[in-house]
Amino acid sequence: MQELAEKYGEVKEKPAAVTEALARERAVTSALRRIVVELDLELRQAREELEQSGNVARLPSPRRRASRR
């Protein structure tokens, strides 16, 4: 009977431990999702800035004279 009581206690503790581990993993996953979204927004902004800077009129560079020999 004692053996059965010990097994019952172990089995009863396992779901609590699993639930705790799951809660920690969910918190980590949530933080990682927020980080990914933040980095995605920053990347989009950087791409937009690059596209906008490409619309600036560029002046032709002065031609270099060929050296006479």
Protein backbone atom coordinates (compact mmCIF):
# COMPACT_ATOMS: atom_id res chain seq x y z
CA MET A 1 0.00 0.00 0.00
CA GLN A 2 2.89 2.36 0.81
CA GLU A 3 4.42 1.71 -2.60
CA LEU A 4 1.15 2.58 -4.31
CA ALA A 5 0.88 5.81 -2.30
CA GLU A 6 4.42 6.82 -3.31
CA LYS A 7 3.69 6.16 -7.00
CA TYR A 8 0.47 8.16 -6.71
CA GLY A 9 2.41 11.07 -5.21
CA GLU A 10 4.98 10.95 -8.04
CA VAL A 11 2.29 10.77 -10.68
CA LYS A 12 0.48 13.67 -9.06
CA GLU A 13 3.63 15.82 -9.07
CA LYS A 14 4.51 15.18 -12.73
CA PRO A 15 1.57 17.12 -14.25
CA ALA A 16 2.39 20.10 -12.03
CA ALA A 17 6.02 20.03 -13.17
CA VAL A 18 4.97 19.68 -16.81
CA THR A 19 2.50 22.54 -16.45
CA GLU A 20 5.23 24.71 -14.94
CA ALA A 21 7.67 23.84 -17.74
CA LEU A 22 4.99 24.57 -20.33
CA ALA A 23 4.31 27.98 -18.79
CA ARG A 24 8.04 28.82 -18.95
CA GLU A 25 8.26 27.68 -22.58
CA ARG A 26 5.22 29.75 -23.48
CA ALA A 27 6.80 32.82 -21.92
CA VAL A 28 10.03 32.25 -23.85
CA THR A 29 8.12 31.67 -27.09
CA SER A 30 6.11 34.83 -26.55
CA ALA A 31 9.26 36.87 -26.00
CA LEU A 32 10.87 35.40 -29.12
CA ARG A 33 7.78 36.25 -31.19
CA ARG A 34 7.93 39.86 -29.97
CA ILE A 35 11.61 40.04 -30.86
CA VAL A 36 10.98 38.64 -34.35
CA VAL A 37 8.18 41.13 -34.97
CA GLU A 38 10.35 44.02 -33.78
CA LEU A 39 13.24 42.96 -36.03
CA ASP A 40 10.87 42.51 -38.97
CA LEU A 41 9.57 46.06 -38.50
CA GLU A 42 13.10 47.44 -38.32
CA LEU A 43 14.09 45.54 -41.46
CA ARG A 44 11.08 46.87 -43.35
CA GLN A 45 11.90 50.42 -42.27
CA ALA A 46 15.51 50.02 -43.37
CA ARG A 47 14.40 48.70 -46.77
CA GLU A 48 11.97 51.59 -47.20
CA GLU A 49 14.71 54.08 -46.34
CA LEU A 50 17.01 52.47 -48.89
CA GLU A 51 14.30 52.61 -51.54
CA GLN A 52 13.64 56.28 -50.79
CA SER A 53 17.31 57.15 -50.93
CA GLY A 54 17.44 55.53 -54.37
CA ASN A 55 14.95 58.10 -55.67
CA VAL A 56 17.39 60.97 -55.16
CA ALA A 57 18.55 62.49 -58.43
CA ARG A 58 22.19 61.69 -58.94
CA LEU A 59 24.43 64.12 -60.71
CA PRO A 60 26.83 62.74 -63.27
CA SER A 61 30.38 62.54 -62.06
CA PRO A 62 32.90 64.71 -63.88
CA ARG A 63 34.75 62.93 -66.63
CA ARG A 64 38.36 62.25 -66.02
CA ARG A 65 40.79 63.38 -68.63
CA ALA A 66 42.92 60.73 -70.18
CA SER A 67 46.55 61.38 -69.50
CA ARG A 68 48.51 62.30 -72.62
CA ARG A 69 51.53 60.28 -73.39
